[in-house]
């Protein structure tokens, strides 16, 4: 995961303008409701369809002598 970057003053100003815009707030609210209306099967389908777009690291082998559960 990459470390977060500091926002520029221009980016901060744009975010504040977006936060104060009621039309944008309604659009974000509608998008959130739509994204949360799907089922678990819809979510799994989405992940399956887009898995090749994500570059995941390979699992590492880690040997341990601690065999407790």
Protein backbone atom coordinates (compact mmCIF):
# COMPACT_ATOMS: atom_id res chain seq x y z
CA UNK A 1 0.00 0.00 0.00
CA UNK A 2 1.29 3.44 -0.84
CA UNK A 3 1.62 6.12 1.76
CA UNK A 4 -0.88 8.93 1.56
CA UNK A 5 0.14 12.18 -0.04
CA UNK A 6 -0.53 15.67 1.24
CA UNK A 7 -3.26 17.51 -0.64
CA UNK A 8 -2.39 20.75 -2.36
CA UNK A 9 -4.21 23.94 -1.40
CA UNK A 10 -6.10 23.76 -4.71
CA UNK A 11 -7.27 20.19 -4.00
CA UNK A 12 -8.39 21.18 -0.50
CA UNK A 13 -10.34 24.13 -1.91
CA UNK A 14 -12.03 21.88 -4.50
CA UNK A 15 -13.00 19.36 -1.83
CA UNK A 16 -14.52 22.07 0.33
CA UNK A 17 -16.51 23.41 -2.63
CA UNK A 18 -17.78 19.89 -3.37
CA UNK A 19 -18.75 19.43 0.27
CA UNK A 20 -20.83 22.62 0.25
CA UNK A 21 -22.59 21.86 -3.07
CA UNK A 22 -26.02 20.35 -2.30
CA UNK A 23 -26.41 18.95 -5.81
CA UNK A 24 -23.10 17.04 -5.49
CA UNK A 25 -24.16 15.81 -2.03
CA UNK A 26 -27.39 14.40 -3.49
CA UNK A 27 -25.42 12.73 -6.32
CA UNK A 28 -23.01 11.10 -3.86
CA UNK A 29 -25.89 10.01 -1.65
CA UNK A 30 -27.71 8.42 -4.59
CA UNK A 31 -24.52 6.65 -5.72
CA UNK A 32 -23.93 5.33 -2.19
CA UNK A 33 -27.49 4.00 -1.92
CA UNK A 34 -27.21 2.35 -5.33
CA UNK A 35 -23.87 0.73 -4.48
CA UNK A 36 -25.25 -0.64 -1.20
CA UNK A 37 -28.41 -2.06 -2.73
CA UNK A 38 -26.66 -5.06 -4.33
CA UNK A 39 -26.53 -8.55 -2.87
CA UNK A 40 -23.49 -10.54 -1.82
CA UNK A 41 -23.70 -12.42 -5.13
CA UNK A 42 -23.56 -9.10 -7.01
CA UNK A 43 -20.47 -8.11 -5.05
CA UNK A 44 -18.74 -11.44 -5.69
CA UNK A 45 -19.57 -11.16 -9.40
CA UNK A 46 -18.04 -7.68 -9.44
CA UNK A 47 -14.86 -8.94 -7.78
CA UNK A 48 -14.61 -11.89 -10.16
CA UNK A 49 -15.08 -9.74 -13.24
CA UNK A 50 -12.42 -7.24 -12.15
CA UNK A 51 -9.84 -9.53 -10.54
CA UNK A 52 -7.45 -9.29 -13.50
CA UNK A 53 -7.28 -5.50 -13.09
CA UNK A 54 -5.69 -5.74 -9.64
CA UNK A 55 -1.99 -6.46 -9.24
CA UNK A 56 -1.76 -8.52 -6.04
CA UNK A 57 1.55 -9.55 -4.53
CA UNK A 58 2.39 -13.25 -4.46
CA UNK A 59 1.95 -14.95 -1.10
CA UNK A 60 5.17 -15.40 0.82
CA UNK A 61 6.23 -18.63 2.43
CA UNK A 62 6.71 -18.23 6.17
CA UNK A 63 7.98 -21.23 8.11
CA UNK A 64 7.16 -21.38 11.78
CA UNK A 65 7.89 -23.88 14.52
CA UNK A 66 4.86 -22.75 16.57
CA UNK A 67 2.15 -25.31 15.78
CA UNK A 68 -0.46 -24.19 18.32
CA UNK A 69 -3.96 -23.44 17.13
